[in-house]
Amino acid sequence: MLKTKNISILIVSLICIPSFVALTDSCKPSQKVAAKTGVQLWAENCQRCHNTPSPNTFSPEQWETIGMHMQTRALLTETERKKIVEFLKQ
C-alpha cells in the first residue's frame, strides 16, 4: 500500500511540476518586448484604448498612480509599467 502511494505521488509530481514550470515561464515577457523602450511601450499600449496624453499633462506623482492603475487595466508587466512611467516622468 505504501509503495503504491509513493509511486502515485511520484507520477503526479512528474506530471505537475513541468506543467507548473511551463506556466510560470509563459508569464515572462519575450526578449523582444523586454528590449523595447518606455516610449515604444507607451505608444503601443496606451493607444489601444485611448488617445495618448502628453507626458507633461500630469505630474510625476500622478504618472506613478496612473501607471499602477493602467498596469492592471492594460495587463502590463511590472517592467513595462516602470519603463512607461519613467519615460512619462522625464
C-alpha atoms as a PDB file:
ATOM      1  CA  MET A   1       0.000   0.000   0.000  1.00  0.00           C
ATOM      2  CA  LEU A   2       2.761   2.459   0.951  1.00  0.00           C
ATOM      3  CA  LYS A   3       4.723   1.577  -2.187  1.00  0.00           C
ATOM      4  CA  THR A   4       1.667   2.258  -4.362  1.00  0.00           C
ATOM      5  CA  LYS A   5       1.091   5.594  -2.634  1.00  0.00           C
ATOM      6  CA  ASN A   6       4.726   6.636  -3.183  1.00  0.00           C
ATOM      7  CA  ILE A   7       4.547   5.675  -6.848  1.00  0.00           C
ATOM      8  CA  SER A   8       1.324   7.675  -7.226  1.00  0.00           C
ATOM      9  CA  ILE A   9       2.949  10.735  -5.657  1.00  0.00           C
ATOM     10  CA  LEU A  10       5.959  10.375  -7.947  1.00  0.00           C
ATOM     11  CA  ILE A  11       3.756  10.127 -11.045  1.00  0.00           C
ATOM     12  CA  VAL A  12       1.701  13.178 -10.063  1.00  0.00           C
ATOM     13  CA  SER A  13       4.891  15.132  -9.364  1.00  0.00           C
ATOM     14  CA  LEU A  14       6.366  14.225 -12.737  1.00  0.00           C
ATOM     15  CA  ILE A  15       3.206  15.433 -14.457  1.00  0.00           C
ATOM     16  CA  CYS A  16       2.523  18.584 -12.427  1.00  0.00           C
ATOM     17  CA  ILE A  17       5.968  20.106 -11.977  1.00  0.00           C
ATOM     18  CA  PRO A  18       6.763  20.514 -15.711  1.00  0.00           C
ATOM     19  CA  SER A  19       3.275  21.959 -16.247  1.00  0.00           C
ATOM     20  CA  PHE A  20       3.812  24.490 -13.463  1.00  0.00           C
ATOM     21  CA  VAL A  21       7.215  25.499 -14.823  1.00  0.00           C
ATOM     22  CA  ALA A  22       5.744  25.964 -18.303  1.00  0.00           C
ATOM     23  CA  LEU A  23       3.017  28.193 -16.894  1.00  0.00           C
ATOM     24  CA  THR A  24       5.419  30.397 -14.960  1.00  0.00           C
ATOM     25  CA  ASP A  25       7.784  30.713 -17.934  1.00  0.00           C
ATOM     26  CA  SER A  26       4.938  31.827 -20.175  1.00  0.00           C
ATOM     27  CA  CYS A  27       4.386  34.847 -17.903  1.00  0.00           C
ATOM     28  CA  LYS A  28       7.824  36.252 -18.591  1.00  0.00           C
ATOM     29  CA  PRO A  29       7.971  38.908 -21.315  1.00  0.00           C
ATOM     30  CA  SER A  30       9.706  37.907 -24.512  1.00  0.00           C
ATOM     31  CA  GLN A  31      13.153  39.326 -25.200  1.00  0.00           C
ATOM     32  CA  LYS A  32      11.627  41.406 -27.994  1.00  0.00           C
ATOM     33  CA  VAL A  33       9.197  43.044 -25.552  1.00  0.00           C
ATOM     34  CA  ALA A  34      11.851  43.382 -22.840  1.00  0.00           C
ATOM     35  CA  ALA A  35      14.131  45.253 -25.252  1.00  0.00           C
ATOM     36  CA  LYS A  36      11.534  47.944 -26.001  1.00  0.00           C
ATOM     37  CA  THR A  37      11.901  51.420 -24.584  1.00  0.00           C
ATOM     38  CA  GLY A  38       9.338  53.230 -22.479  1.00  0.00           C
ATOM     39  CA  VAL A  39       8.392  55.418 -25.434  1.00  0.00           C
ATOM     40  CA  GLN A  40       7.741  52.375 -27.641  1.00  0.00           C
ATOM     41  CA  LEU A  41       5.690  50.640 -24.953  1.00  0.00           C
ATOM     42  CA  TRP A  42       3.743  53.851 -24.283  1.00  0.00           C
ATOM     43  CA  ALA A  43       2.895  54.299 -27.974  1.00  0.00           C
ATOM     44  CA  GLU A  44       1.933  50.650 -28.460  1.00  0.00           C
ATOM     45  CA  ASN A  45      -0.046  50.069 -25.276  1.00  0.00           C
ATOM     46  CA  CYS A  46      -1.737  53.348 -24.438  1.00  0.00           C
ATOM     47  CA  GLN A  47      -3.162  53.972 -27.911  1.00  0.00           C
ATOM     48  CA  ARG A  48      -5.006  50.662 -27.874  1.00  0.00           C
ATOM     49  CA  CYS A  49      -7.778  52.188 -25.770  1.00  0.00           C
ATOM     50  CA  HIS A  50      -7.456  55.969 -25.882  1.00  0.00           C
ATOM     51  CA  ASN A  51      -5.504  58.906 -27.263  1.00  0.00           C
ATOM     52  CA  THR A  52      -2.150  59.168 -25.570  1.00  0.00           C
ATOM     53  CA  PRO A  53      -1.843  62.178 -23.302  1.00  0.00           C
ATOM     54  CA  SER A  54       1.198  64.400 -23.481  1.00  0.00           C
ATOM     55  CA  PRO A  55       3.853  63.470 -20.902  1.00  0.00           C
ATOM     56  CA  ASN A  56       3.550  66.940 -19.333  1.00  0.00           C
ATOM     57  CA  THR A  57      -0.210  66.513 -18.782  1.00  0.00           C
ATOM     58  CA  PHE A  58       0.362  65.037 -15.309  1.00  0.00           C
ATOM     59  CA  SER A  59       2.944  65.400 -12.548  1.00  0.00           C
ATOM     60  CA  PRO A  60       5.489  62.621 -11.868  1.00  0.00           C
ATOM     61  CA  GLU A  61       3.463  61.550  -8.813  1.00  0.00           C
ATOM     62  CA  GLN A  62       0.290  61.382 -10.881  1.00  0.00           C
ATOM     63  CA  TRP A  63       2.042  59.287 -13.531  1.00  0.00           C
ATOM     64  CA  GLU A  64       3.055  56.807 -10.814  1.00  0.00           C
ATOM     65  CA  THR A  65      -0.570  56.427  -9.753  1.00  0.00           C
ATOM     66  CA  ILE A  66      -1.831  56.251 -13.323  1.00  0.00           C
ATOM     67  CA  GLY A  67       0.865  53.672 -14.127  1.00  0.00           C
ATOM     68  CA  MET A  68      -0.275  51.414 -11.283  1.00  0.00           C
ATOM     69  CA  HIS A  69      -3.881  51.664 -12.427  1.00  0.00           C
ATOM     70  CA  MET A  70      -3.091  51.090 -16.078  1.00  0.00           C
ATOM     71  CA  GLN A  71      -0.796  48.156 -15.334  1.00  0.00           C
ATOM     72  CA  THR A  72      -3.857  46.289 -14.128  1.00  0.00           C
ATOM     73  CA  ARG A  73      -6.203  47.563 -16.830  1.00  0.00           C
ATOM     74  CA  ALA A  74      -3.813  47.021 -19.764  1.00  0.00           C
ATOM     75  CA  LEU A  75      -2.218  43.843 -18.374  1.00  0.00           C
ATOM     76  CA  LEU A  76       1.262  45.340 -18.394  1.00  0.00           C
ATOM     77  CA  THR A  77       4.176  43.662 -16.693  1.00  0.00           C
ATOM     78  CA  GLU A  78       5.962  45.436 -13.855  1.00  0.00           C
ATOM     79  CA  THR A  79       8.913  46.129 -16.172  1.00  0.00           C
ATOM     80  CA  GLU A  80       6.699  47.572 -18.897  1.00  0.00           C
ATOM     81  CA  ARG A  81       4.922  49.820 -16.399  1.00  0.00           C
ATOM     82  CA  LYS A  82       8.207  51.086 -14.954  1.00  0.00           C
ATOM     83  CA  LYS A  83       9.628  51.874 -18.402  1.00  0.00           C
ATOM     84  CA  ILE A  84       6.490  53.731 -19.466  1.00  0.00           C
ATOM     85  CA  VAL A  85       6.246  55.721 -16.222  1.00  0.00           C
ATOM     86  CA  GLU A  86       9.934  56.642 -16.319  1.00  0.00           C
ATOM     87  CA  PHE A  87       9.516  57.968 -19.867  1.00  0.00           C
ATOM     88  CA  LEU A  88       6.420  59.964 -18.892  1.00  0.00           C
ATOM     89  CA  LYS A  89       8.119  61.468 -15.819  1.00  0.00           C
ATOM     90  CA  GLN A  90      11.105  62.833 -17.801  1.00  0.00           C
END
